[in-house]
Amino acid sequence: MKKIVTSLLILTISVSAFGAYKAIHKKKKKKVVSQKATIVNDTKIKSVLMGRSACFGTCPSYTIEVFENGTLRYNGKHFVDKEGLYEKQISPNDAIRFIQQFNSLQPDTLHYLYQTKIADLPGIYYFIQYPDSVKHIINADAGPRILYDWSLKFDEFAKFDKTWAKVKEDKATK
């Protein structure tokens, strides 16, 4: 009798262990749903503005701002092909990706002002908009070389073409 009870106990344990193993490793057919991936802006940066300042000559003066919602804003001031305020819309994912790449510079650790020794040189500046503050980087071209390189990336990213639309004055002042 003792052998029968032991055998039944071993059999019960084996069956339940096998059932548990089967339940854990049961293959489920996954339903593939086509979705567009949405990139989340984990940088807390709302927008980044890069500007080029004037010089005593004919240096182009303008700003380019990239917003996390995909809006690009160009403001041509002096010695540029297009003067005035222009906007265009791009994919929010592309804008966020650009902002995240810019954030790899760790702009919150950069200086406010980089002194330049020649007053006539055009400057590059950045304004980084956070939810509760703005970080300014003035004379960025006199700072780390990467800030100058990023100004070229801004120019390329926001290259002026037919997709830009002039913003009416009343919208520009709001």
Protein backbone atom coordinates (compact mmCIF):
# COMPACT_ATOMS: atom_id res chain seq x y z
CA MET A 1 0.00 0.00 0.00
CA LYS A 2 2.84 2.32 0.82
CA LYS A 3 4.29 1.73 -2.67
CA ILE A 4 0.96 2.59 -4.32
CA VAL A 5 0.56 5.85 -2.38
CA THR A 6 4.16 6.83 -3.14
CA SER A 7 3.67 6.01 -6.84
CA LEU A 8 0.43 8.05 -6.99
CA LEU A 9 2.11 10.96 -5.22
CA ILE A 10 5.06 10.90 -7.65
CA LEU A 11 2.65 10.64 -10.60
CA THR A 12 0.57 13.60 -9.31
CA ILE A 13 3.65 15.75 -8.80
CA SER A 14 4.99 14.83 -12.26
CA VAL A 15 1.70 15.62 -14.01
CA SER A 16 1.29 18.96 -12.23
CA ALA A 17 4.94 19.90 -12.91
CA PHE A 18 4.53 18.99 -16.58
CA GLY A 19 1.30 21.00 -16.76
CA ALA A 20 2.95 24.02 -15.17
CA TYR A 21 5.88 23.76 -17.56
CA LYS A 22 3.49 23.50 -20.50
CA ALA A 23 1.48 26.53 -19.31
CA ILE A 24 4.58 28.67 -18.91
CA HIS A 25 6.05 27.75 -22.28
CA LYS A 26 2.84 27.72 -24.24
CA LYS A 27 3.36 29.49 -27.53
CA LYS A 28 0.89 32.21 -28.20
CA LYS A 29 0.20 33.44 -31.66
CA LYS A 30 0.99 37.10 -31.65
CA LYS A 31 -1.20 39.37 -33.65
CA VAL A 32 0.99 41.77 -35.60
CA VAL A 33 -0.43 45.24 -35.61
CA SER A 34 1.09 47.84 -37.88
CA GLN A 35 1.76 51.02 -35.93
CA LYS A 36 3.87 54.05 -36.49
CA ALA A 37 6.52 54.39 -33.84
CA THR A 38 6.23 57.59 -31.86
CA ILE A 39 9.38 59.01 -30.39
CA VAL A 40 9.05 60.49 -26.93
CA ASN A 41 10.95 63.66 -26.15
CA ASP A 42 12.76 62.61 -22.99
CA THR A 43 15.11 65.62 -23.09
CA LYS A 44 12.59 68.07 -21.61
CA ILE A 45 13.70 70.51 -24.33
CA LYS A 46 10.70 72.20 -25.94
CA SER A 47 12.62 74.01 -28.69
CA VAL A 48 16.12 74.96 -29.78
CA LEU A 49 16.89 78.21 -31.59
CA MET A 50 20.17 78.76 -33.41
CA GLY A 51 20.95 82.25 -34.62
CA ARG A 52 23.68 83.96 -36.57
CA SER A 53 24.39 87.56 -35.65
CA ALA A 54 25.40 90.41 -37.91
CA CYS A 55 28.87 91.79 -38.48
CA PHE A 56 30.11 95.18 -39.76
CA GLY A 57 29.92 93.81 -43.31
CA THR A 58 27.34 91.74 -45.16
CA CYS A 59 27.20 88.67 -42.92
CA PRO A 60 23.82 86.94 -43.06
CA SER A 61 21.76 87.37 -39.91
CA TYR A 62 18.92 84.94 -39.20
CA THR A 63 17.50 82.44 -36.71
CA ILE A 64 16.27 78.87 -37.09
CA GLU A 65 14.11 77.33 -34.37
CA VAL A 66 13.13 73.67 -34.10
CA PHE A 67 10.08 72.88 -31.94
CA GLU A 68 9.31 69.43 -30.53
CA ASN A 69 5.91 69.44 -32.30
CA GLY A 70 7.60 69.54 -35.73
CA THR A 71 7.35 73.26 -36.44
CA LEU A 72 10.45 74.88 -37.94
CA ARG A 73 10.66 78.67 -37.81
CA TYR A 74 13.08 80.77 -39.85
CA ASN A 75 13.50 84.50 -39.29
CA GLY A 76 15.65 86.18 -41.93
CA LYS A 77 16.95 89.54 -40.72
CA HIS A 78 19.79 90.96 -42.84
CA PHE A 79 21.75 89.93 -45.93
CA VAL A 80 19.72 86.77 -46.57
CA ASP A 81 17.72 85.64 -49.61
CA LYS A 82 14.46 85.63 -47.67
CA GLU A 83 13.83 88.29 -45.03
CA GLY A 84 10.97 87.91 -42.59
CA LEU A 85 9.35 85.12 -40.64
CA TYR A 86 8.71 81.74 -42.31
CA GLU A 87 7.48 78.42 -40.98
CA LYS A 88 7.14 74.88 -42.15
CA GLN A 89 5.95 71.64 -40.60
CA ILE A 90 7.97 68.45 -40.45
CA SER A 91 7.34 65.16 -38.70
CA PRO A 92 7.35 65.56 -34.90
CA ASN A 93 9.48 62.40 -34.77
CA ASP A 94 12.14 64.05 -36.95
CA ALA A 95 12.07 67.19 -34.81
CA ILE A 96 12.34 65.25 -31.56
CA ARG A 97 15.15 63.12 -32.98
CA PHE A 98 17.03 66.30 -33.93
CA ILE A 99 16.47 67.81 -30.47
CA GLN A 100 17.61 64.59 -28.79
CA GLN A 101 20.79 64.58 -30.88
CA PHE A 102 21.39 68.23 -29.94
CA ASN A 103 20.85 67.30 -26.30
CA SER A 104 23.81 64.90 -26.54
CA LEU A 105 25.94 68.08 -26.28
CA GLN A 106 24.63 68.43 -22.75
CA PRO A 107 23.75 72.09 -23.37
CA ASP A 108 22.83 72.62 -19.72
CA THR A 109 26.54 72.23 -18.86
CA LEU A 110 27.80 74.79 -21.40
CA HIS A 111 28.76 78.37 -20.57
CA TYR A 112 26.42 81.30 -21.06
CA LEU A 113 29.06 83.39 -22.84
CA TYR A 114 32.19 82.54 -24.79
CA GLN A 115 34.41 85.61 -25.19
CA THR A 116 35.55 86.47 -28.69
CA LYS A 117 38.63 88.63 -29.26
CA ILE A 118 37.49 90.13 -32.57
CA ALA A 119 34.39 92.32 -32.32
CA ASP A 120 33.57 92.32 -36.05
CA LEU A 121 33.09 88.58 -36.38
CA PRO A 122 29.53 87.32 -36.75
CA GLY A 123 28.41 85.25 -33.81
CA ILE A 124 26.42 82.10 -33.33
CA TYR A 125 24.04 81.81 -30.43
CA TYR A 126 21.61 79.23 -29.09
CA PHE A 127 18.47 79.54 -26.98
CA ILE A 128 17.30 76.22 -25.53
CA GLN A 129 13.72 76.34 -24.23
CA TYR A 130 12.95 74.07 -21.27
CA PRO A 131 9.50 73.87 -19.65
CA ASP A 132 10.45 76.40 -16.96
CA SER A 133 13.58 78.17 -18.23
CA VAL A 134 15.68 79.18 -21.22
CA LYS A 135 19.39 78.39 -21.57
CA HIS A 136 21.39 80.97 -23.56
CA ILE A 137 24.71 80.25 -25.21
CA ILE A 138 26.21 83.43 -26.69
CA ASN A 139 29.19 83.55 -29.10
CA ALA A 140 29.02 79.78 -29.46
CA ASP A 141 31.51 79.93 -32.34
CA ALA A 142 34.16 81.07 -29.82
CA GLY A 143 33.31 78.09 -27.61
CA PRO A 144 33.77 74.37 -28.21
CA ARG A 145 34.09 73.46 -31.90
CA ILE A 146 31.02 71.21 -31.65
CA LEU A 147 28.78 74.29 -31.25
CA TYR A 148 30.00 75.64 -34.60
CA ASP A 149 29.49 72.20 -36.16
CA TRP A 150 25.94 72.13 -34.85
CA SER A 151 25.20 75.48 -36.48
CA LEU A 152 25.96 73.78 -39.81
CA LYS A 153 23.61 70.94 -38.88
CA PHE A 154 20.87 73.48 -38.16
CA ASP A 155 21.45 75.10 -41.55
CA GLU A 156 21.24 71.72 -43.29
CA PHE A 157 18.27 70.47 -41.26
CA ALA A 158 16.23 73.60 -41.89
CA LYS A 159 17.43 74.28 -45.43
CA PHE A 160 15.26 76.95 -47.00
CA ASP A 161 13.16 75.58 -49.87
CA LYS A 162 9.67 75.88 -51.40
CA THR A 163 7.99 74.20 -48.43
CA TRP A 164 8.45 77.25 -46.21
CA ALA A 165 5.44 79.57 -45.87
CA LYS A 166 5.64 83.26 -44.98
CA VAL A 167 3.99 84.02 -41.64
CA LYS A 168 1.64 86.98 -41.54
CA GLU A 169 2.65 89.86 -39.29
CA ASP A 170 -0.26 89.42 -36.85
CA LYS A 171 0.79 85.79 -36.18
CA ALA A 172 4.42 86.82 -35.83
CA THR A 173 3.64 89.29 -33.08
CA LYS A 174 1.58 86.84 -30.98
